[in-house]
Protein backbone atom coordinates (compact mmCIF):
# COMPACT_ATOMS: atom_id res chain seq x y z
CA MET A 1 -18.48 170.26 40.20
CA HIS A 2 -19.84 169.67 36.69
CA CYS A 3 -22.10 166.63 36.47
CA THR A 4 -23.12 164.91 33.26
CA LYS A 5 -25.88 162.32 33.48
CA PHE A 6 -26.06 159.14 31.40
CA ASP A 7 -29.41 157.64 32.33
CA ASP A 8 -30.60 156.26 28.97
CA PRO A 9 -31.73 152.65 29.65
CA LYS A 10 -31.09 151.77 26.00
CA ARG A 11 -27.37 152.06 26.63
CA ARG A 12 -26.94 149.14 29.04
CA THR A 13 -24.65 147.42 26.54
CA TYR A 14 -21.86 149.36 24.95
CA GLY A 15 -23.02 148.61 21.41
CA SER A 16 -26.75 147.86 21.65
CA GLY A 17 -25.93 144.25 20.80
CA VAL A 18 -24.55 144.74 17.28
CA LEU A 19 -21.25 146.33 18.20
CA ASP A 20 -20.82 143.96 21.14
CA GLN A 21 -20.94 141.02 18.72
CA ILE A 22 -18.57 142.63 16.24
CA LEU A 23 -15.91 143.59 18.77
CA SER A 24 -16.20 140.53 21.06
CA LEU A 25 -14.18 142.21 23.77
CA PRO A 26 -13.14 139.86 26.57
CA ALA A 27 -14.33 140.43 30.11
CA GLY A 28 -12.59 143.33 31.80
CA ALA A 29 -10.71 144.28 28.63
CA ILE A 30 -11.16 148.04 29.10
CA ALA A 31 -9.30 149.38 32.15
CA ILE A 32 -11.21 152.43 33.37
CA ALA A 33 -9.83 154.91 35.90
CA ASP A 34 -12.20 157.32 37.63
CA ILE A 35 -10.42 159.97 39.70
CA GLY A 36 -12.82 161.66 42.06
CA ALA A 37 -15.26 158.77 41.89
CA ALA A 38 -17.64 159.51 44.78
CA PHE A 39 -21.13 158.40 43.81
CA LEU A 40 -23.41 161.44 44.04
CA GLY A 41 -26.40 160.06 42.16
CA GLU A 42 -25.16 160.46 38.58
CA THR A 43 -24.72 157.56 36.21
CA PRO A 44 -21.09 157.66 35.00
CA PRO A 45 -20.44 157.55 31.25
CA TYR A 46 -18.58 154.25 31.52
CA GLN A 47 -21.48 152.40 33.22
CA PRO A 48 -22.50 150.50 30.03
CA LEU A 49 -18.96 149.09 29.86
CA LEU A 50 -19.26 147.80 33.40
CA ASP A 51 -22.76 146.45 32.80
CA SER A 52 -21.62 144.54 29.71
CA GLY A 53 -18.60 143.11 31.52
CA ALA A 54 -16.16 144.68 29.04
CA GLY A 55 -14.94 147.27 31.57
CA LYS A 56 -13.00 147.01 34.80
CA LEU A 57 -13.06 150.08 37.03
CA PHE A 58 -10.25 151.49 39.18
CA ALA A 59 -11.79 154.24 41.29
CA PHE A 60 -9.90 156.89 43.26
CA GLU A 61 -11.72 158.66 46.08
CA PRO A 62 -9.91 160.30 49.02
CA ASP A 63 -13.06 161.19 50.97
CA ALA A 64 -13.27 158.50 53.67
CA ARG A 65 -17.01 159.13 53.98
CA GLN A 66 -17.49 157.92 50.39
CA VAL A 67 -15.06 155.00 50.15
CA GLU A 68 -17.10 152.20 51.76
CA ALA A 69 -20.28 153.15 49.92
CA LEU A 70 -18.31 153.16 46.68
CA ARG A 71 -16.88 149.71 47.40
CA GLN A 72 -20.33 148.31 48.10
CA ARG A 73 -21.75 149.83 44.95
CA LEU A 74 -18.98 148.54 42.69
CA GLY A 75 -18.67 145.06 44.16
CA LYS A 76 -16.58 142.87 41.87
CA THR A 77 -16.74 145.33 38.97
CA GLY A 78 -14.13 147.67 40.43
CA THR A 79 -11.25 148.37 42.77
CA VAL A 80 -11.27 151.42 45.05
CA PHE A 81 -8.13 153.35 45.98
CA PRO A 82 -8.66 155.75 48.94
CA ASP A 83 -6.06 158.13 47.53
CA ALA A 84 -5.83 161.74 46.42
CA VAL A 85 -4.16 161.75 43.01
CA GLY A 86 -1.69 164.52 42.27
CA ASP A 87 2.06 165.11 42.05
CA GLY A 88 3.11 162.93 44.98
CA ALA A 89 3.61 165.88 47.32
CA GLU A 90 1.72 166.95 50.42
CA HIS A 91 -0.92 169.62 49.84
CA THR A 92 -3.56 171.51 51.74
CA LEU A 93 -7.04 170.26 50.97
CA HIS A 94 -9.57 173.08 51.00
CA ILE A 95 -12.83 171.47 52.10
CA CYS A 96 -15.67 173.46 50.56
CA ASN A 97 -19.42 173.17 50.50
CA PHE A 98 -21.37 171.77 47.55
CA GLY A 99 -18.58 169.44 46.38
CA TRP A 100 -16.04 172.13 45.51
CA SER A 101 -13.21 170.75 47.69
CA SER A 102 -9.79 171.04 46.07
CA ILE A 103 -6.07 171.04 46.76
CA LEU A 104 -6.18 174.47 45.13
CA GLU A 105 -7.40 177.48 47.08
CA PRO A 106 -10.64 179.06 45.82
CA ASP A 107 -10.15 182.45 44.18
CA PRO A 108 -12.60 184.92 45.80
CA ALA A 109 -12.23 187.52 43.04
CA ALA A 110 -13.08 185.05 40.27
CA ARG A 111 -16.07 183.70 42.17
CA ALA A 112 -17.36 187.18 42.97
CA PHE A 113 -17.47 187.86 39.23
CA PHE A 114 -20.47 185.51 39.02
CA ASN A 115 -23.82 185.41 40.73
CA ASN A 116 -23.96 183.04 43.74
CA LEU A 117 -20.54 181.40 43.29
CA ALA A 118 -18.98 183.12 46.30
CA GLN A 119 -21.50 181.31 48.47
CA LEU A 120 -21.32 177.99 46.62
CA GLY A 121 -17.55 177.60 46.95
CA ARG A 122 -17.03 178.62 50.57
CA VAL A 123 -14.08 177.00 52.41
CA GLU A 124 -15.37 175.35 55.58
CA SER A 125 -12.11 173.76 56.79
CA THR A 126 -8.66 172.65 55.61
CA ALA A 127 -6.54 169.53 56.06
CA ARG A 128 -3.10 168.39 54.98
CA ILE A 129 -3.16 165.41 52.63
CA GLN A 130 -0.56 163.34 50.83
CA THR A 131 -1.15 162.97 47.11
CA ARG A 132 -0.12 160.02 44.98
CA ARG A 133 1.20 160.14 41.44
CA LEU A 134 -0.86 158.06 39.03
CA ASP A 135 2.34 156.58 37.62
CA ASP A 136 3.32 155.37 41.12
CA VAL A 137 0.22 153.23 41.69
CA ALA A 138 1.66 149.76 41.15
CA ASP A 139 -1.72 147.99 41.36
CA LEU A 140 -3.15 150.16 38.58
CA PRO A 141 -2.74 148.71 35.06
CA GLN A 142 -2.30 150.74 31.90
CA ILE A 143 -5.42 152.89 31.57
CA ASP A 144 -7.66 152.64 28.51
CA PHE A 145 -10.34 155.15 29.54
CA LEU A 146 -9.86 157.95 32.09
CA LYS A 147 -12.55 160.06 33.70
CA MET A 148 -11.66 162.68 36.27
CA ASP A 149 -13.19 165.54 38.20
CA VAL A 150 -10.50 166.96 40.49
CA GLN A 151 -11.52 170.59 40.84
CA GLY A 152 -8.70 172.36 39.03
CA ALA A 153 -5.90 169.79 39.51
CA GLU A 154 -6.38 168.10 36.13
CA LEU A 155 -3.06 169.24 34.68
CA MET A 156 -1.17 167.99 37.74
CA VAL A 157 -2.76 164.55 37.40
CA LEU A 158 -2.06 164.35 33.67
CA GLN A 159 1.58 165.39 33.98
CA ASN A 160 2.19 162.76 36.65
CA GLY A 161 0.36 159.97 34.85
CA ARG A 162 1.97 159.92 31.42
CA ASP A 163 3.18 156.34 31.70
CA LYS A 164 -0.19 154.97 32.80
CA LEU A 165 -1.88 156.95 29.99
CA ALA A 166 0.55 155.92 27.26
CA GLY A 167 -1.99 153.54 25.71
CA CYS A 168 -5.16 155.33 26.78
CA VAL A 169 -7.70 155.86 24.00
CA ALA A 170 -10.21 158.23 25.65
CA VAL A 171 -10.31 160.79 28.46
CA GLN A 172 -13.20 162.75 29.92
CA LEU A 173 -12.19 165.63 32.16
CA GLU A 174 -13.62 168.85 33.48
CA THR A 175 -12.19 172.04 32.07
CA SER A 176 -12.69 175.64 33.18
CA PHE A 177 -12.94 178.57 30.81
CA VAL A 178 -12.75 180.96 33.78
CA THR A 179 -10.52 179.58 36.54
CA LEU A 180 -12.15 179.60 39.96
CA TYR A 181 -9.11 178.51 42.01
CA ARG A 182 -5.80 180.27 42.60
CA ASP A 183 -3.05 179.03 40.26
CA GLN A 184 -5.50 176.81 38.40
CA PRO A 185 -4.25 176.04 34.87
CA PRO A 186 -6.75 177.28 32.28
CA PHE A 187 -8.33 175.24 29.53
CA GLY A 188 -5.54 176.07 27.07
CA ALA A 189 -2.84 174.62 29.31
CA VAL A 190 -4.77 171.40 29.85
CA ASP A 191 -5.50 171.16 26.12
CA MET A 192 -1.81 171.56 25.24
CA GLU A 193 -0.90 168.78 27.68
CA MET A 194 -3.51 166.47 26.20
CA ARG A 195 -2.25 167.16 22.68
CA SER A 196 1.34 166.55 23.79
CA GLN A 197 0.23 163.11 24.98
CA GLY A 198 -1.31 162.31 21.59
CA PHE A 199 -4.96 163.24 22.16
CA ILE A 200 -7.34 165.47 20.22
CA PRO A 201 -10.65 166.99 21.41
CA HIS A 202 -13.67 164.93 20.42
CA ARG A 203 -16.72 166.52 22.05
CA PHE A 204 -17.94 168.81 24.79
CA MET A 205 -20.55 167.46 27.13
CA ASP A 206 -22.97 169.95 28.71
CA VAL A 207 -21.31 173.36 28.37
CA LYS A 208 -22.08 175.36 31.49
CA ARG A 209 -22.61 179.13 31.28
CA TRP A 210 -23.09 181.29 34.34
CA PRO A 211 -24.52 184.82 34.83
CA ILE A 212 -22.11 187.67 35.55
CA ALA A 213 -22.89 189.56 38.77
CA PRO A 214 -24.94 191.53 39.58
CA ALA A 215 -27.34 191.27 36.61
CA ILE A 216 -30.27 188.90 37.06
CA ALA A 217 -32.32 187.58 34.15
CA GLY A 218 -35.86 186.30 34.55
CA ASN A 219 -35.75 186.88 38.30
CA ASP A 220 -33.36 183.90 38.53
CA PRO A 221 -29.76 184.63 39.67
CA ARG A 222 -28.66 181.32 38.12
CA MET A 223 -30.09 181.98 34.64
CA ALA A 224 -27.09 182.28 32.33
CA LEU A 225 -26.66 184.61 29.39
CA ASN A 226 -23.44 184.15 27.40
CA GLN A 227 -20.50 183.81 29.79
CA LEU A 228 -18.80 180.41 29.57
CA LEU A 229 -17.82 178.83 32.86
CA GLU A 230 -16.88 175.17 32.41
CA SER A 231 -17.58 171.92 30.64
CA ASP A 232 -16.63 168.30 30.60
CA ILE A 233 -14.66 167.57 27.44
CA VAL A 234 -13.89 164.21 25.88
CA TYR A 235 -10.52 163.63 24.23
CA ILE A 236 -9.62 160.66 22.04
CA ARG A 237 -6.26 159.35 20.95
CA ASP A 238 -5.56 160.93 17.58
CA LEU A 239 -7.21 158.63 15.04
CA THR A 240 -5.98 160.72 12.13
CA ARG A 241 -2.82 158.66 12.72
CA PRO A 242 -4.26 155.14 13.01
CA ASP A 243 -0.90 153.41 12.58
CA GLY A 244 -0.26 154.21 16.24
CA PHE A 245 -3.21 152.04 17.31
CA SER A 246 -3.20 148.32 17.98
CA ASP A 247 -6.22 146.30 16.88
CA LEU A 248 -7.34 146.03 20.50
CA GLN A 249 -7.06 149.79 21.01
CA LEU A 250 -9.28 150.35 17.97
CA LYS A 251 -11.87 147.97 19.41
CA LYS A 252 -11.77 149.69 22.78
CA LEU A 253 -12.17 153.12 21.21
CA ALA A 254 -15.10 151.87 19.12
CA ALA A 255 -16.89 150.66 22.26
CA ILE A 256 -16.24 153.94 24.06
CA ALA A 257 -17.31 155.97 21.03
CA HIS A 258 -20.68 154.25 21.04
CA ILE A 259 -21.47 155.11 24.66
CA TYR A 260 -20.75 158.77 23.84
CA ARG A 261 -23.22 158.58 20.93
CA SER A 262 -20.44 158.93 18.36
CA PRO A 263 -21.21 156.16 15.87
CA ASP A 264 -19.18 157.90 13.16
CA LEU A 265 -16.08 157.47 15.32
CA ALA A 266 -16.96 153.83 15.99
CA VAL A 267 -17.37 153.25 12.25
CA ARG A 268 -13.96 154.78 11.55
CA CYS A 269 -12.45 152.33 14.05
CA LEU A 270 -14.20 149.44 12.28
CA ILE A 271 -12.90 150.63 8.90
CA GLU A 272 -9.33 150.64 10.24
CA LEU A 273 -9.88 147.13 11.63
CA HIS A 274 -11.22 146.02 8.24
CA LYS A 275 -8.06 147.32 6.52
CA ARG A 276 -6.06 145.03 8.83
CA GLY A 277 -8.29 142.00 8.26
CA ALA A 278 -9.65 142.24 11.81
CA ALA A 279 -13.25 143.09 10.83
CA GLU A 280 -15.55 142.27 7.91
CA ASP A 281 -17.04 144.83 5.55
CA SER A 282 -20.41 143.36 6.47
CA ASP A 283 -19.70 144.28 10.10
CA ILE A 284 -19.36 147.92 9.13
CA LEU A 285 -22.62 147.80 7.18
CA ARG A 286 -24.47 146.08 10.04
CA TYR A 287 -23.38 148.71 12.52
CA LEU A 288 -24.17 151.58 10.15
CA VAL A 289 -27.68 150.23 9.62
CA SER A 290 -28.19 149.72 13.36
CA GLN A 291 -27.40 153.41 13.88
CA GLY A 292 -29.53 154.69 10.99
CA LEU A 293 -26.42 155.69 9.01
CA LYS A 294 -25.09 154.96 5.56
CA ARG A 295 -21.87 155.50 3.64
């Protein structure tokens, strides 16, 4: 449900030229998985990696209405899997309005706590679907960068994709501070799973607050006060322990860090590469200067 836009035309290359030259990543080096990849008008965060040729996308989208359009949009830059990712079992898909469809059942009590959400998440129909474990997708390589928006099923996907994520350096996922589906794992459970797989939180994207019913501020029932609802959060593989990274993983993380406007993280990757003889000190200085930073 949460959408984060990346429409800055200056970010068509992953490193604004300087970092591209330093890293010299080969074509398709970064394997990107997008789970829930229907194109709804937003520019995905990984688009600069596709535009530069450094990324190769593996998109999962179970909605048959979206699959062909997605294939046409991606062309040779990606592969589309018309699968629902989960635990490999059959589930009931609750088809809701406004993009809230989920294999979890909406929780009416939680939605009624907020203005307008009871109407926005209304179940219009249901269908039985077969899910597929991420680890069981033979045509999917090891993932370097994962983005997913699966309406409450994030923990299920993560727990059934540990092998494919073993070398992953960055994950963007949606997390809920107030769960809106029955049996939806809360933020803390998802965070513990991410940490158990070797990730640490890096940044929140747009943190969404929502007004508690029935109070209305400014004559707008959508104008939030303080109550947190959800946010996309970016995790990175724990760089406080760099010995666990290969040189190529450090390069991939540096490229991803730049598209998230985290040049300090990219610099730290370059410093670790320099310690290994895989980058020059002058490279670090060039990138710092290009970003208006110093050390």
